[in-house]
Amino acid sequence: MKKGLHPNYKSVTVTCISCGNTFESGSILDEIRVDTCNQCHPFFTGKDRSTKVDGRVDRFNKRYGNLNK
């Protein structure tokens, strides 16, 4: 590699501002702050807000029936 051409890649601490979780990653930045991480995101925690969506699917099926017949 040419000297002075590439940025310095280093180990940094990533901090989640929602839950305060921290973990190590690599970046050219000094620190990284994220809104959500795998500890507080609903998809990864299993606390998904799909209950409203399930009702919409049931309403659709009730209104239009099974289209695969």
Protein backbone atom coordinates (compact mmCIF):
# COMPACT_ATOMS: atom_id res chain seq x y z
CA MET A 1 0.00 0.00 0.00
CA LYS A 2 1.14 3.54 -0.64
CA LYS A 3 1.93 5.52 2.48
CA GLY A 4 -0.38 8.43 3.35
CA LEU A 5 -3.08 7.34 0.89
CA HIS A 6 -5.30 5.13 3.03
CA PRO A 7 -7.05 6.24 6.25
CA ASN A 8 -6.09 4.72 9.61
CA TYR A 9 -8.43 1.80 10.36
CA LYS A 10 -8.66 1.23 14.11
CA SER A 11 -10.73 -0.41 16.81
CA VAL A 12 -13.49 1.86 18.16
CA THR A 13 -16.30 1.63 20.71
CA VAL A 14 -19.84 1.74 19.35
CA THR A 15 -22.42 3.13 21.79
CA CYS A 16 -26.21 2.72 21.50
CA ILE A 17 -27.92 5.90 22.66
CA SER A 18 -31.25 4.11 23.27
CA CYS A 19 -30.11 1.46 25.75
CA GLY A 20 -26.48 2.34 26.52
CA ASN A 21 -25.06 -0.93 25.15
CA THR A 22 -21.43 -0.73 23.98
CA PHE A 23 -19.41 -3.03 21.74
CA GLU A 24 -16.17 -2.95 19.77
CA SER A 25 -15.96 -2.54 16.00
CA GLY A 26 -13.50 -1.28 13.42
CA SER A 27 -13.73 2.12 11.73
CA ILE A 28 -11.79 5.17 10.64
CA LEU A 29 -13.87 7.29 13.04
CA ASP A 30 -12.93 7.89 16.67
CA GLU A 31 -16.29 6.85 18.12
CA ILE A 32 -19.65 5.71 16.73
CA ARG A 33 -23.09 6.34 18.23
CA VAL A 34 -26.12 4.43 16.92
CA ASP A 35 -29.84 4.90 17.60
CA THR A 36 -30.68 1.21 18.05
CA CYS A 37 -28.61 -1.93 18.43
CA ASN A 38 -29.31 -5.67 18.56
CA GLN A 39 -30.02 -5.43 22.31
CA CYS A 40 -32.91 -2.94 21.99
CA HIS A 41 -34.27 -3.38 18.43
CA PRO A 42 -37.72 -5.06 18.41
CA PHE A 43 -36.76 -7.54 15.67
CA PHE A 44 -33.89 -9.01 17.69
CA THR A 45 -35.52 -8.82 21.13
CA GLY A 46 -38.74 -10.57 20.07
CA LYS A 47 -40.87 -7.65 21.25
CA ASP A 48 -42.09 -7.03 17.71
CA ARG A 49 -45.10 -4.82 17.17
CA SER A 50 -46.76 -7.30 14.79
CA THR A 51 -50.03 -7.59 16.74
CA LYS A 52 -51.54 -4.72 14.78
CA VAL A 53 -50.31 -6.20 11.52
CA ASP A 54 -51.89 -9.58 12.33
CA GLY A 55 -55.27 -7.90 12.67
CA ARG A 56 -54.84 -6.24 9.30
CA VAL A 57 -54.00 -9.56 7.64
CA ASP A 58 -57.08 -11.18 9.20
CA ARG A 59 -59.25 -8.28 8.01
CA PHE A 60 -57.84 -8.61 4.50
CA ASN A 61 -58.46 -12.37 4.41
CA LYS A 62 -61.98 -11.90 5.77
CA ARG A 63 -62.77 -9.23 3.17
CA TYR A 64 -61.23 -10.87 0.10
CA GLY A 65 -61.12 -14.53 1.12
CA ASN A 66 -58.43 -16.96 0.09
CA LEU A 67 -57.18 -15.88 -3.35
CA ASN A 68 -55.34 -19.19 -3.97
CA LYS A 69 -58.54 -21.21 -4.56
